[in-house]
């Protein structure tokens, strides 16, 4: 009779590799994104509308890429709650790229937490950026 480790050893090894990769990627990517955002980003979460001179195909491609990246960050953030990484920060960034009813209220509810605000502004401080302004 095989033990659980014999049966699922390969799966556990892959989960370990994925966990390690997401942890290190989040340490690199999330601060970079937080540095690039404007200090008023969370005050002016705006809808990305088509500009009059923008080609419709370009608009659709960019919006699709934005939704894909948002969904990817949201999924990664949810996984990082259970695996090592910056889960809540990744979830906030993923949600901010998506458009859905109640988005603003959900993000504002998460951002009301002083510990979340402190974490976001701590990252910006390390990059010598102006702190975020929240509602």
C-alpha atoms as a PDB file:
ATOM      1  CA  UNK A   1       0.000   0.000   0.000  1.00  0.00           C
ATOM      2  CA  UNK A   2       1.319   3.405  -1.004  1.00  0.00           C
ATOM      3  CA  UNK A   3       1.555   6.252   1.443  1.00  0.00           C
ATOM      4  CA  UNK A   4      -0.009   9.618   0.721  1.00  0.00           C
ATOM      5  CA  UNK A   5       3.444  11.073   0.067  1.00  0.00           C
ATOM      6  CA  UNK A   6       4.139   8.400  -2.548  1.00  0.00           C
ATOM      7  CA  UNK A   7       0.788   9.023  -4.227  1.00  0.00           C
ATOM      8  CA  UNK A   8       0.844  12.814  -4.179  1.00  0.00           C
ATOM      9  CA  UNK A   9       4.559  13.594  -3.953  1.00  0.00           C
ATOM     10  CA  UNK A  10       4.764  15.081  -7.445  1.00  0.00           C
ATOM     11  CA  UNK A  11       1.709  17.260  -6.860  1.00  0.00           C
ATOM     12  CA  UNK A  12       3.121  18.483  -3.547  1.00  0.00           C
ATOM     13  CA  UNK A  13       6.450  19.256  -5.198  1.00  0.00           C
ATOM     14  CA  UNK A  14       4.719  21.296  -7.923  1.00  0.00           C
ATOM     15  CA  UNK A  15       2.650  23.142  -5.323  1.00  0.00           C
ATOM     16  CA  UNK A  16       5.880  23.991  -3.511  1.00  0.00           C
ATOM     17  CA  UNK A  17       7.450  25.312  -6.706  1.00  0.00           C
ATOM     18  CA  UNK A  18       4.346  27.353  -7.582  1.00  0.00           C
ATOM     19  CA  UNK A  19       4.162  28.732  -4.048  1.00  0.00           C
ATOM     20  CA  UNK A  20       7.798  29.789  -4.119  1.00  0.00           C
ATOM     21  CA  UNK A  21       7.450  31.382  -7.562  1.00  0.00           C
ATOM     22  CA  UNK A  22       4.316  33.355  -6.654  1.00  0.00           C
ATOM     23  CA  UNK A  23       5.970  34.564  -3.462  1.00  0.00           C
ATOM     24  CA  UNK A  24       9.048  35.919  -5.216  1.00  0.00           C
ATOM     25  CA  UNK A  25       7.073  37.301  -8.165  1.00  0.00           C
ATOM     26  CA  UNK A  26       4.770  39.152  -5.778  1.00  0.00           C
ATOM     27  CA  UNK A  27       7.807  40.645  -4.036  1.00  0.00           C
ATOM     28  CA  UNK A  28       8.939  42.069  -7.378  1.00  0.00           C
ATOM     29  CA  UNK A  29       5.759  42.884  -9.282  1.00  0.00           C
ATOM     30  CA  UNK A  30       3.453  44.300  -6.587  1.00  0.00           C
ATOM     31  CA  UNK A  31       5.877  47.012  -5.373  1.00  0.00           C
ATOM     32  CA  UNK A  32       6.621  47.957  -8.999  1.00  0.00           C
ATOM     33  CA  UNK A  33       2.907  48.409  -9.716  1.00  0.00           C
ATOM     34  CA  UNK A  34       2.388  50.377  -6.478  1.00  0.00           C
ATOM     35  CA  UNK A  35       5.302  52.698  -7.405  1.00  0.00           C
ATOM     36  CA  UNK A  36       3.849  53.359 -10.847  1.00  0.00           C
ATOM     37  CA  UNK A  37       0.388  54.366  -9.603  1.00  0.00           C
ATOM     38  CA  UNK A  38      -0.504  58.005  -9.041  1.00  0.00           C
ATOM     39  CA  UNK A  39      -0.955  59.066  -5.400  1.00  0.00           C
ATOM     40  CA  UNK A  40      -4.638  59.832  -6.133  1.00  0.00           C
ATOM     41  CA  UNK A  41      -5.280  56.482  -7.844  1.00  0.00           C
ATOM     42  CA  UNK A  42      -7.728  55.226  -5.203  1.00  0.00           C
ATOM     43  CA  UNK A  43      -9.624  58.531  -5.166  1.00  0.00           C
ATOM     44  CA  UNK A  44     -10.065  58.635  -8.932  1.00  0.00           C
ATOM     45  CA  UNK A  45     -10.748  55.045  -9.879  1.00  0.00           C
ATOM     46  CA  UNK A  46     -12.167  55.842 -13.266  1.00  0.00           C
ATOM     47  CA  UNK A  47     -13.775  53.879 -15.993  1.00  0.00           C
ATOM     48  CA  UNK A  48     -11.571  53.415 -18.997  1.00  0.00           C
ATOM     49  CA  UNK A  49     -13.660  54.743 -21.816  1.00  0.00           C
ATOM     50  CA  UNK A  50     -12.858  54.776 -25.483  1.00  0.00           C
ATOM     51  CA  UNK A  51     -11.247  57.961 -26.683  1.00  0.00           C
ATOM     52  CA  UNK A  52     -12.719  59.458 -29.835  1.00  0.00           C
ATOM     53  CA  UNK A  53      -9.541  59.014 -31.864  1.00  0.00           C
ATOM     54  CA  UNK A  54      -8.762  55.505 -30.595  1.00  0.00           C
ATOM     55  CA  UNK A  55      -9.173  52.630 -33.009  1.00  0.00           C
ATOM     56  CA  UNK A  56     -11.929  50.188 -31.893  1.00  0.00           C
ATOM     57  CA  UNK A  57      -9.701  47.129 -32.313  1.00  0.00           C
ATOM     58  CA  UNK A  58      -6.964  48.705 -30.193  1.00  0.00           C
ATOM     59  CA  UNK A  59      -9.551  49.590 -27.535  1.00  0.00           C
ATOM     60  CA  UNK A  60     -10.883  46.018 -27.418  1.00  0.00           C
ATOM     61  CA  UNK A  61      -7.389  44.499 -27.262  1.00  0.00           C
ATOM     62  CA  UNK A  62      -6.252  46.822 -24.457  1.00  0.00           C
ATOM     63  CA  UNK A  63      -9.462  46.333 -22.475  1.00  0.00           C
ATOM     64  CA  UNK A  64      -9.152  42.537 -22.870  1.00  0.00           C
ATOM     65  CA  UNK A  65      -5.541  42.626 -21.675  1.00  0.00           C
ATOM     66  CA  UNK A  66      -6.561  44.802 -18.721  1.00  0.00           C
ATOM     67  CA  UNK A  67      -9.311  42.348 -17.727  1.00  0.00           C
ATOM     68  CA  UNK A  68      -6.985  39.379 -18.159  1.00  0.00           C
ATOM     69  CA  UNK A  69      -4.314  40.999 -15.959  1.00  0.00           C
ATOM     70  CA  UNK A  70      -6.956  42.012 -13.402  1.00  0.00           C
ATOM     71  CA  UNK A  71      -8.372  38.484 -13.239  1.00  0.00           C
ATOM     72  CA  UNK A  72      -4.857  37.028 -13.010  1.00  0.00           C
ATOM     73  CA  UNK A  73      -3.920  39.361 -10.144  1.00  0.00           C
ATOM     74  CA  UNK A  74      -7.226  38.668  -8.368  1.00  0.00           C
ATOM     75  CA  UNK A  75      -6.735  34.911  -8.633  1.00  0.00           C
ATOM     76  CA  UNK A  76      -3.091  35.169  -7.555  1.00  0.00           C
ATOM     77  CA  UNK A  77      -4.106  37.352  -4.602  1.00  0.00           C
ATOM     78  CA  UNK A  78      -6.712  34.843  -3.469  1.00  0.00           C
ATOM     79  CA  UNK A  79      -4.124  32.065  -3.692  1.00  0.00           C
ATOM     80  CA  UNK A  80      -1.599  34.204  -1.795  1.00  0.00           C
ATOM     81  CA  UNK A  81      -3.960  34.383   1.152  1.00  0.00           C
ATOM     82  CA  UNK A  82      -3.197  30.697   1.636  1.00  0.00           C
ATOM     83  CA  UNK A  83       0.288  30.659   0.099  1.00  0.00           C
ATOM     84  CA  UNK A  84       3.146  33.053   0.855  1.00  0.00           C
ATOM     85  CA  UNK A  85       2.804  36.458  -0.762  1.00  0.00           C
ATOM     86  CA  UNK A  86       1.114  39.838  -0.565  1.00  0.00           C
ATOM     87  CA  UNK A  87      -2.430  38.533  -1.014  1.00  0.00           C
ATOM     88  CA  UNK A  88      -4.598  41.481  -0.008  1.00  0.00           C
ATOM     89  CA  UNK A  89      -2.501  44.021  -1.910  1.00  0.00           C
ATOM     90  CA  UNK A  90      -2.624  41.819  -5.009  1.00  0.00           C
ATOM     91  CA  UNK A  91      -6.403  41.451  -4.676  1.00  0.00           C
ATOM     92  CA  UNK A  92      -6.822  45.247  -4.459  1.00  0.00           C
ATOM     93  CA  UNK A  93      -4.728  45.778  -7.582  1.00  0.00           C
ATOM     94  CA  UNK A  94      -6.589  43.041  -9.460  1.00  0.00           C
ATOM     95  CA  UNK A  95      -9.997  44.447  -8.497  1.00  0.00           C
ATOM     96  CA  UNK A  96      -8.967  47.937  -9.568  1.00  0.00           C
ATOM     97  CA  UNK A  97      -8.346  46.679 -13.122  1.00  0.00           C
ATOM     98  CA  UNK A  98     -11.754  45.013 -13.432  1.00  0.00           C
ATOM     99  CA  UNK A  99     -15.133  46.681 -14.016  1.00  0.00           C
ATOM    100  CA  UNK A 100     -18.161  45.298 -12.199  1.00  0.00           C
ATOM    101  CA  UNK A 101     -21.107  46.660 -10.197  1.00  0.00           C
ATOM    102  CA  UNK A 102     -20.077  47.490  -6.637  1.00  0.00           C
ATOM    103  CA  UNK A 103     -16.371  47.689  -7.449  1.00  0.00           C
ATOM    104  CA  UNK A 104     -15.913  51.089  -5.824  1.00  0.00           C
ATOM    105  CA  UNK A 105     -17.702  50.085  -2.600  1.00  0.00           C
ATOM    106  CA  UNK A 106     -15.714  46.847  -2.343  1.00  0.00           C
ATOM    107  CA  UNK A 107     -12.345  48.540  -2.841  1.00  0.00           C
ATOM    108  CA  UNK A 108     -13.276  51.380  -0.463  1.00  0.00           C
ATOM    109  CA  UNK A 109     -14.303  48.812   2.148  1.00  0.00           C
ATOM    110  CA  UNK A 110     -10.950  47.048   1.886  1.00  0.00           C
ATOM    111  CA  UNK A 111      -9.034  50.343   1.897  1.00  0.00           C
ATOM    112  CA  UNK A 112     -10.730  51.508   5.115  1.00  0.00           C
ATOM    113  CA  UNK A 113      -8.378  49.229   7.011  1.00  0.00           C
ATOM    114  CA  UNK A 114      -5.502  51.279   8.457  1.00  0.00           C
ATOM    115  CA  UNK A 115      -3.159  48.296   8.114  1.00  0.00           C
ATOM    116  CA  UNK A 116      -3.835  48.080   4.352  1.00  0.00           C
ATOM    117  CA  UNK A 117      -3.264  51.826   3.931  1.00  0.00           C
ATOM    118  CA  UNK A 118      -0.081  51.577   5.978  1.00  0.00           C
ATOM    119  CA  UNK A 119       1.212  48.653   3.880  1.00  0.00           C
ATOM    120  CA  UNK A 120       0.517  50.438   0.587  1.00  0.00           C
ATOM    121  CA  UNK A 121       2.146  53.656   1.761  1.00  0.00           C
ATOM    122  CA  UNK A 122       5.109  51.763   3.255  1.00  0.00           C
ATOM    123  CA  UNK A 123       5.824  50.331  -0.201  1.00  0.00           C
ATOM    124  CA  UNK A 124       5.537  53.814  -1.752  1.00  0.00           C
ATOM    125  CA  UNK A 125       7.843  55.237   0.918  1.00  0.00           C
ATOM    126  CA  UNK A 126      10.511  52.685  -0.014  1.00  0.00           C
ATOM    127  CA  UNK A 127      10.318  53.937  -3.610  1.00  0.00           C
ATOM    128  CA  UNK A 128      10.481  57.606  -2.508  1.00  0.00           C
ATOM    129  CA  UNK A 129       6.973  58.213  -3.820  1.00  0.00           C
ATOM    130  CA  UNK A 130       4.245  60.444  -2.404  1.00  0.00           C
ATOM    131  CA  UNK A 131       1.854  58.454  -0.145  1.00  0.00           C
ATOM    132  CA  UNK A 132      -1.527  57.419  -1.493  1.00  0.00           C
ATOM    133  CA  UNK A 133      -4.468  59.623  -0.616  1.00  0.00           C
ATOM    134  CA  UNK A 134      -7.573  57.759   0.406  1.00  0.00           C
ATOM    135  CA  UNK A 135     -11.174  58.947   0.811  1.00  0.00           C
END
